[in-house]
């Protein structure tokens, strides 16, 4: 399973014939994609009013990954680990990363913050 970050979705939407879009479509066709709730929210926030219904229908086919109390406990531990290493991450990225770990998924992102998270061994990235 692969949790796909907002950065990949946006790249795919912007250039439907580009490499991220083609690979994302293959992963979707293979039922390999899980959708973290914060990513879903970010996509809706960036969509126009006219695009939202179509986007909602398309994303409704994907399994959603929701945070729990355990998610927030994991994030608390990560904040300690990152801080001790001189690293800082946004709460959205921490939440997306923790949700990927909780569902045993790799995380696919074009955001360099997730490379830093992987360096700290917090997550495992999907690298095409």
Foldseek 3Di string as FASTA:
>chain_A
DEEEALQLVVVCVVPVPDPSNVVVVVCVVVLNYAYEVLRLVVVLVPDDPVCNVVSCVVCVVHHYQYDDPVLVVLLVVVCVLQVVVVHDDDPSVSSSQSSCVVVVHAYEHPDCVVVVCVVSVSGHHDDD
